[in-house]
């Protein structure tokens, strides 16, 4: 897949030598991840508004619970306009399977109402026509939408060069040394967008998540079966301690 406007975000905060080193470091890691997990097939995108709602629902819950809540919304309400007009408590009960429904319901309604107020109807089609940085700024202006949520919407719904950093991506890239040991998840979006080639954003995002779930787990990374140990700062430090 070739992303639209395929230029990484500027202002990564990395000096030129560090950036060059991490770009070189990424290349064999990407090849090994593809060997282990394949090259992800581009999935059919949700409608952009659907993607926004789904992504808000996904916060602090599993994919299964997110999908259950999203389907419950779709089954109960004939349109996003109907979700806007429904009592907030009713919407919260509808999405309770996603958890934190008393927070997510008003966030979803507020986002949909703002879109309707600004665009005259509930659509995000205009985002396809504006620069990535402008789109990020607009999306993160919503309460409850941070850099990760904005990047997911831009990458998955619009094919724009934005790299989402969830807890798995943050943990795995930090252990590998693709980002610094003190780099926050928010800072990691900028750093990884500068390190990873834009056309790799989609496969890299999905394969790093797969690796984080299956091998580089939070409590006990399974280094004994990891194909990336030769390139992993975390493993190399453990090896020196032994």
Foldseek 3Di string as FASTA:
>chain_A
DDFPPFDFDPDLVDDPVLLVVLLVLVVVVLVVLCVVPNQDDQDQFDALLLLLLLLLLQPPADNVLSVQLSVLVVVPDVDLVRLLVDPLVVNLVSSPSSPPSNVSSVLSNVVQVVCCVVVVHRHDVCLLVDDLVVQQVVQCVRPSDHLQSSLSSCCNNRRHQWAHFDPQNVQQCCQLVSDDVPQDNNSVRNSVSSSDRSVCRVRVNVSSSVCQVPAVDDPDGNVVPDPCLVRTNNNVVVVVVD
